[in-house]
């Protein structure tokens, strides 16, 4: 999994459209092997990002969970601590 794509489900407040778009963009970049498409591929690249953004939004809206929503600040602090431990070695 691409490290830049973050979990977007079950947060309070819910994932923003920008977060969903950024995750879709990272996904398309990863699978295409290109951070920026050539002129010849711009339309296909943009269409893929738009379609994945829309699909991701549908998925997030339809997922059901009984777990309480996660707090973004607490999850970010946990991630920083995991990174600190990983890179301290």
Protein backbone atom coordinates (compact mmCIF):
# COMPACT_ATOMS: atom_id res chain seq x y z
CA UNK A 1 0.00 0.00 0.00
CA UNK A 2 1.21 3.47 -0.78
CA UNK A 3 2.36 5.12 2.43
CA UNK A 4 0.80 8.44 1.45
CA UNK A 5 -2.71 7.02 1.26
CA UNK A 6 -4.31 7.29 4.69
CA UNK A 7 -7.35 5.60 6.19
CA UNK A 8 -10.34 7.87 5.58
CA UNK A 9 -13.13 5.79 7.11
CA UNK A 10 -14.73 6.36 10.50
CA UNK A 11 -13.31 9.73 11.44
CA UNK A 12 -15.07 12.62 13.07
CA UNK A 13 -15.41 14.90 11.21
CA UNK A 14 -15.70 12.72 8.08
CA UNK A 15 -13.10 12.83 5.32
CA UNK A 16 -13.24 15.98 3.24
CA UNK A 17 -13.53 16.03 -0.52
CA UNK A 18 -9.91 17.25 -0.66
CA UNK A 19 -8.72 14.26 1.38
CA UNK A 20 -10.63 11.85 -0.85
CA UNK A 21 -9.26 13.53 -3.99
CA UNK A 22 -5.67 13.48 -2.66
CA UNK A 23 -5.96 9.75 -1.87
CA UNK A 24 -7.29 9.09 -5.39
CA UNK A 25 -4.48 11.14 -6.89
CA UNK A 26 -1.85 9.20 -4.91
CA UNK A 27 -3.43 5.92 -6.01
CA UNK A 28 -3.40 6.89 -9.70
CA UNK A 29 0.19 8.14 -9.41
CA UNK A 30 1.23 4.86 -7.81
CA UNK A 31 -0.42 2.52 -10.30
CA UNK A 32 0.53 4.63 -13.34
CA UNK A 33 4.12 5.02 -12.19
CA UNK A 34 3.95 8.70 -12.96
CA UNK A 35 3.74 11.70 -10.65
CA UNK A 36 2.75 13.91 -13.58
CA UNK A 37 1.32 12.49 -16.77
CA UNK A 38 2.56 13.45 -20.20
CA UNK A 39 0.35 15.72 -22.33
CA UNK A 40 -0.83 12.64 -24.21
CA UNK A 41 -2.00 11.01 -20.96
CA UNK A 42 -3.40 14.02 -19.06
CA UNK A 43 -7.04 13.31 -19.91
CA UNK A 44 -6.86 9.64 -18.98
CA UNK A 45 -5.02 10.52 -15.75
CA UNK A 46 -7.55 13.20 -14.77
CA UNK A 47 -10.50 10.94 -15.64
CA UNK A 48 -9.05 8.12 -13.51
CA UNK A 49 -8.57 10.46 -10.54
CA UNK A 50 -12.16 11.74 -10.89
CA UNK A 51 -13.62 8.24 -11.14
CA UNK A 52 -11.62 6.92 -8.19
CA UNK A 53 -12.56 9.99 -6.14
CA UNK A 54 -16.24 9.36 -6.86
CA UNK A 55 -15.97 5.63 -6.11
CA UNK A 56 -14.12 6.32 -2.88
CA UNK A 57 -16.77 8.79 -1.74
CA UNK A 58 -19.52 6.22 -2.46
CA UNK A 59 -17.58 3.57 -0.54
CA UNK A 60 -17.00 5.83 2.47
CA UNK A 61 -20.66 6.87 2.51
CA UNK A 62 -21.86 3.26 2.41
CA UNK A 63 -19.47 1.65 4.91
CA UNK A 64 -21.08 0.71 8.22
CA UNK A 65 -19.30 0.26 11.53
CA UNK A 66 -20.22 -0.14 15.16
CA UNK A 67 -16.88 1.32 16.30
CA UNK A 68 -16.93 4.86 17.62
CA UNK A 69 -15.47 7.49 15.25
CA UNK A 70 -11.74 8.07 15.58
CA UNK A 71 -10.32 11.42 16.56
CA UNK A 72 -7.92 12.83 13.95
CA UNK A 73 -5.60 14.43 16.52
CA UNK A 74 -5.28 11.25 18.57
CA UNK A 75 -4.65 9.12 15.47
CA UNK A 76 -2.03 11.62 14.23
CA UNK A 77 -0.26 11.49 17.59
CA UNK A 78 -0.24 7.67 17.47
CA UNK A 79 1.23 7.79 13.94
CA UNK A 80 3.95 10.21 15.04
CA UNK A 81 4.85 7.92 17.95
CA UNK A 82 5.02 4.87 15.65
CA UNK A 83 7.26 6.81 13.28
CA UNK A 84 9.48 7.98 16.13
CA UNK A 85 9.92 4.37 17.30
CA UNK A 86 10.50 3.08 13.76
CA UNK A 87 13.15 5.67 12.89
CA UNK A 88 14.86 5.65 16.29
CA UNK A 89 16.32 2.24 15.55
